[in-house]
Amino acid sequence: MVRAIVVYYTVYGNTEKAAKAVRDGLASAGVEAECRRIQETKPDDLKAFDLIIFGTPTHMEDIPDDVRRFMESLKPVDLRGKEGAAFDTRYEDEPIGGLSQLEKYMKSYGIRIVSSGLPVLLPSGAGEGPLITDELSKCTRFGKSIGEKIIKNAQ
């Protein structure tokens, strides 16, 4: 069975909600999936998974320092051949989010990106949320489509 992990960082809980919705979408496609905060994840833990999805809040059109430190900590881990995707949470009027930075790290570690990154939107200026209506269902569909693609490729 394909194993996936959704690794995320959250400040107000919005990115966590998005991560759990992505996980649920993966599971609905038949992928064994789990969620973990980056603070609860050791770099070597990622070796056990076929698919790695990273999630981050956007901070000033970039990733928070804690996310950057975690992504840098993955340098010594051999992640070549893994598949992955990324999402971020950001204000609806922010054209640039943190997911491009996540994808840059992923590519540098040899992770094959299997889906375009997903921006998960908050109303402008609503730092603590909640997410815009239907964003969580968008996250579930994102996870399901990735899961279906991964399972098809594994057959």
Protein backbone atom coordinates (compact mmCIF):
# COMPACT_ATOMS: atom_id res chain seq x y z
CA MET A 1 0.00 0.00 0.00
CA VAL A 2 1.14 3.54 -0.77
CA ARG A 3 2.09 5.44 2.39
CA ALA A 4 1.80 9.20 2.63
CA ILE A 5 2.52 11.83 5.22
CA VAL A 6 1.29 15.40 5.36
CA VAL A 7 3.88 17.42 7.29
CA TYR A 8 2.74 20.89 8.29
CA TYR A 9 3.36 23.93 10.46
CA THR A 10 0.49 25.94 11.87
CA VAL A 11 0.12 29.12 13.88
CA TYR A 12 -3.64 29.66 14.26
CA GLY A 13 -4.81 26.18 13.25
CA ASN A 14 -5.82 26.95 9.66
CA THR A 15 -2.89 25.09 8.09
CA GLU A 16 -3.59 22.15 10.40
CA LYS A 17 -7.22 22.03 9.24
CA ALA A 18 -6.04 22.12 5.62
CA ALA A 19 -3.48 19.35 6.30
CA LYS A 20 -6.13 17.10 7.83
CA ALA A 21 -8.44 17.69 4.87
CA VAL A 22 -5.62 16.77 2.45
CA ARG A 23 -4.95 13.63 4.52
CA ASP A 24 -8.64 12.71 4.40
CA GLY A 25 -8.62 13.12 0.61
CA LEU A 26 -5.59 10.85 0.31
CA ALA A 27 -7.30 8.24 2.50
CA SER A 28 -10.48 8.41 0.42
CA ALA A 29 -8.37 7.45 -2.61
CA GLY A 30 -7.01 4.40 -0.78
CA VAL A 31 -3.69 5.81 0.42
CA GLU A 32 -2.49 5.07 3.96
CA ALA A 33 -2.03 8.66 5.14
CA GLU A 34 -1.14 10.49 8.31
CA CYS A 35 -0.55 14.09 9.43
CA ARG A 36 2.24 15.40 11.61
CA ARG A 37 3.38 18.81 12.73
CA ILE A 38 6.97 19.54 11.76
CA GLN A 39 7.78 19.85 15.47
CA GLU A 40 6.80 16.18 15.89
CA THR A 41 8.68 14.96 12.80
CA LYS A 42 12.30 13.87 12.61
CA PRO A 43 13.93 14.23 9.19
CA ASP A 44 14.63 10.46 9.00
CA ASP A 45 10.92 9.74 9.61
CA LEU A 46 10.20 10.81 6.03
CA LYS A 47 12.16 7.88 4.58
CA ALA A 48 9.27 5.53 5.50
CA PHE A 49 6.81 7.27 3.15
CA ASP A 50 6.26 7.08 -0.62
CA LEU A 51 4.52 10.46 -0.78
CA ILE A 52 5.34 13.58 1.24
CA ILE A 53 3.08 16.63 1.25
CA PHE A 54 4.30 19.77 2.98
CA GLY A 55 2.01 22.52 4.26
CA THR A 56 2.92 25.96 5.56
CA PRO A 57 1.32 29.25 6.43
CA THR A 58 2.58 32.15 4.34
CA HIS A 59 4.56 34.79 6.18
CA MET A 60 5.34 37.92 4.15
CA GLU A 61 5.14 35.96 0.86
CA ASP A 62 7.57 33.36 2.24
CA ILE A 63 7.73 30.51 4.75
CA PRO A 64 8.10 31.00 8.52
CA ASP A 65 11.59 30.55 10.02
CA ASP A 66 10.54 27.31 11.77
CA VAL A 67 9.53 25.81 8.41
CA ARG A 68 12.79 26.96 6.81
CA ARG A 69 14.81 25.33 9.61
CA PHE A 70 12.87 22.08 9.19
CA MET A 71 13.32 22.05 5.42
CA GLU A 72 17.06 22.76 5.85
CA SER A 73 17.28 19.84 8.31
CA LEU A 74 16.25 17.50 5.48
CA LYS A 75 19.51 18.09 3.53
CA PRO A 76 21.31 14.97 4.83
CA VAL A 77 18.27 12.70 4.27
CA ASP A 78 18.08 10.77 0.99
CA LEU A 79 14.61 11.63 -0.32
CA ARG A 80 15.37 10.93 -4.00
CA GLY A 81 12.61 8.95 -5.65
CA LYS A 82 9.93 10.16 -3.24
CA GLU A 83 6.88 11.88 -4.64
CA GLY A 84 5.44 15.03 -3.20
CA ALA A 85 3.30 18.13 -3.30
CA ALA A 86 2.85 21.28 -1.27
CA PHE A 87 0.22 23.73 -0.10
CA ASP A 88 0.17 26.98 1.78
CA THR A 89 -2.36 29.11 3.58
CA ARG A 90 -2.41 32.78 2.58
CA TYR A 91 -4.62 35.81 2.22
CA GLU A 92 -6.85 35.73 -0.84
CA ASP A 93 -5.14 38.84 -2.25
CA GLU A 94 -1.59 37.50 -1.82
CA PRO A 95 -0.30 36.43 -5.24
CA ILE A 96 2.81 34.75 -3.79
CA GLY A 97 2.77 32.27 -0.95
CA GLY A 98 5.09 29.88 0.83
CA LEU A 99 4.43 26.88 -1.37
CA SER A 100 6.94 27.95 -4.05
CA GLN A 101 9.68 27.86 -1.40
CA LEU A 102 8.55 24.40 -0.27
CA GLU A 103 8.61 23.15 -3.86
CA LYS A 104 12.10 24.60 -4.35
CA TYR A 105 13.37 22.64 -1.34
CA MET A 106 11.57 19.49 -2.49
CA LYS A 107 13.09 19.61 -5.97
CA SER A 108 16.56 20.20 -4.51
CA TYR A 109 16.18 16.99 -2.46
CA GLY A 110 15.10 14.91 -5.45
CA ILE A 111 11.40 14.72 -4.56
CA ARG A 112 9.28 14.48 -7.72
CA ILE A 113 6.43 16.98 -7.54
CA VAL A 114 3.27 15.21 -8.71
CA SER A 115 0.79 18.09 -8.55
CA SER A 116 0.83 21.86 -8.76
CA GLY A 117 0.89 23.47 -5.34
CA LEU A 118 -2.37 24.46 -3.71
CA PRO A 119 -2.98 27.92 -2.22
CA VAL A 120 -5.54 27.65 0.61
CA LEU A 121 -7.16 31.03 1.13
CA LEU A 122 -8.07 33.21 4.08
CA PRO A 123 -10.03 36.46 3.81
CA SER A 124 -7.68 39.45 3.40
CA GLY A 125 -6.36 40.59 6.76
CA ALA A 126 -7.95 37.72 8.71
CA GLY A 127 -4.70 36.28 10.07
CA GLU A 128 -6.44 34.03 12.55
CA GLY A 129 -8.97 32.84 9.98
CA PRO A 130 -11.26 31.16 9.46
CA LEU A 131 -10.52 29.89 5.97
CA ILE A 132 -12.78 31.03 3.16
CA THR A 133 -15.86 28.82 2.69
CA ASP A 134 -15.15 25.64 0.68
CA GLU A 135 -11.35 25.84 1.05
CA LEU A 136 -11.32 22.64 3.12
CA SER A 137 -13.29 20.76 0.47
CA LYS A 138 -10.74 22.05 -2.07
CA CYS A 139 -8.01 20.54 0.15
CA THR A 140 -9.83 17.20 0.29
CA ARG A 141 -10.14 17.14 -3.51
CA PHE A 142 -6.42 18.02 -3.79
CA GLY A 143 -5.49 15.06 -1.58
CA LYS A 144 -7.85 12.70 -3.38
CA SER A 145 -6.55 13.63 -6.84
CA ILE A 146 -2.94 13.13 -5.72
CA GLY A 147 -3.85 9.81 -4.08
CA GLU A 148 -5.59 8.56 -7.21
CA LYS A 149 -2.59 9.58 -9.35
CA ILE A 150 -0.08 7.88 -7.03
CA ILE A 151 -2.06 4.67 -6.82
CA LYS A 152 -2.50 4.55 -10.61
CA ASN A 153 1.26 5.03 -11.08
CA ALA A 154 2.03 2.31 -8.51
CA GLN A 155 -0.02 -0.31 -10.39
